[in-house]
Protein backbone atom coordinates (compact mmCIF):
# COMPACT_ATOMS: atom_id res chain seq x y z
CA MET A 1 66.91 52.28 43.52
CA ALA A 2 68.27 51.96 40.27
CA THR A 3 72.46 50.83 39.28
CA SER A 4 74.12 53.65 38.07
CA THR A 5 78.04 54.53 37.94
CA ALA A 6 77.97 55.61 41.74
CA GLY A 7 77.08 51.24 41.93
CA LEU A 8 74.77 48.39 42.26
CA GLY A 9 70.70 49.45 43.52
CA ALA A 10 69.72 47.18 45.61
CA GLU A 11 68.17 43.58 44.81
CA ALA A 12 64.52 43.16 44.05
CA ARG A 13 63.97 38.81 45.07
CA MET A 14 60.69 37.50 42.04
CA ARG A 15 59.96 34.28 42.68
CA ASP A 16 61.60 32.03 45.17
CA PRO A 17 64.49 30.37 44.10
CA ASN A 18 62.98 27.00 42.08
CA ASP A 19 64.49 24.24 39.62
CA LEU A 20 64.26 26.35 36.45
CA TRP A 21 66.57 29.48 37.52
CA LYS A 22 69.67 26.79 37.69
CA HIS A 23 69.63 26.88 34.01
CA ASP A 24 69.73 30.55 33.40
CA LEU A 25 73.86 31.25 31.76
CA VAL A 26 72.86 35.18 32.37
CA MET A 27 70.74 37.62 32.18
CA THR A 28 70.45 41.37 31.58
CA ALA A 29 67.22 44.10 32.72
CA GLY A 30 67.35 47.20 30.08
CA ASN A 31 64.80 49.15 28.07
CA TYR A 32 64.79 46.59 25.65
CA THR A 33 60.76 47.54 24.12
CA PRO A 34 58.85 50.64 23.95
CA ASN A 35 57.45 51.71 26.88
CA ASN A 36 61.26 53.23 27.60
CA PHE A 37 61.19 51.94 31.30
CA ASN A 38 64.47 50.63 32.28
CA ASP A 39 61.82 47.57 33.03
CA ASP A 40 62.57 44.26 30.75
CA LEU A 41 64.95 41.15 31.40
CA ILE A 42 67.19 38.73 28.70
CA VAL A 43 67.30 35.76 29.99
CA ARG A 44 69.68 33.20 27.78
CA TRP A 45 69.17 29.47 29.14
CA SER A 46 71.74 26.23 28.45
CA ASP A 47 69.52 24.78 25.32
CA GLY A 48 70.67 27.92 23.62
CA GLU A 49 67.21 29.16 23.82
CA THR A 50 67.09 33.85 25.11
CA THR A 51 64.05 34.93 26.68
CA LEU A 52 62.46 38.52 27.13
CA TYR A 53 60.55 39.05 30.33
CA ALA A 54 58.70 42.89 28.48
CA ASP A 55 57.51 45.44 31.64
CA THR A 56 59.16 43.57 34.81
CA ALA A 57 57.91 45.06 38.02
CA TYR A 58 59.78 44.12 41.11
CA THR A 59 56.77 41.59 42.02
CA SER A 60 56.74 39.91 38.78
CA LEU A 61 58.22 38.08 35.11
CA GLY A 62 56.79 40.48 32.55
CA THR A 63 55.18 39.05 29.33
CA GLU A 64 57.27 36.30 28.24
CA ASN A 65 58.98 36.41 24.23
CA THR A 66 61.05 33.65 23.04
CA LEU A 67 63.93 35.34 20.87
CA VAL A 68 65.58 32.42 21.13
CA TYR A 69 64.72 28.63 20.15
CA PRO A 70 66.75 25.89 22.02
CA GLY A 71 68.59 24.83 19.24
CA THR A 72 68.68 26.98 17.17
């Protein structure tokens, strides 16, 4: 179920917890690539890196694309 004005959708775990995600400061999901689906995830990391995971599915992260490199 998708997030809408009626409220949040159902939670879906894509990955098991691990040390990497302790460095995630903020993330957003939406339609940021040309496929016209709300299946992209953008993550801002504690070192300043910003990553787009394009075409993310319920069971796995999409293709990793660095948008902003650490320290820039």
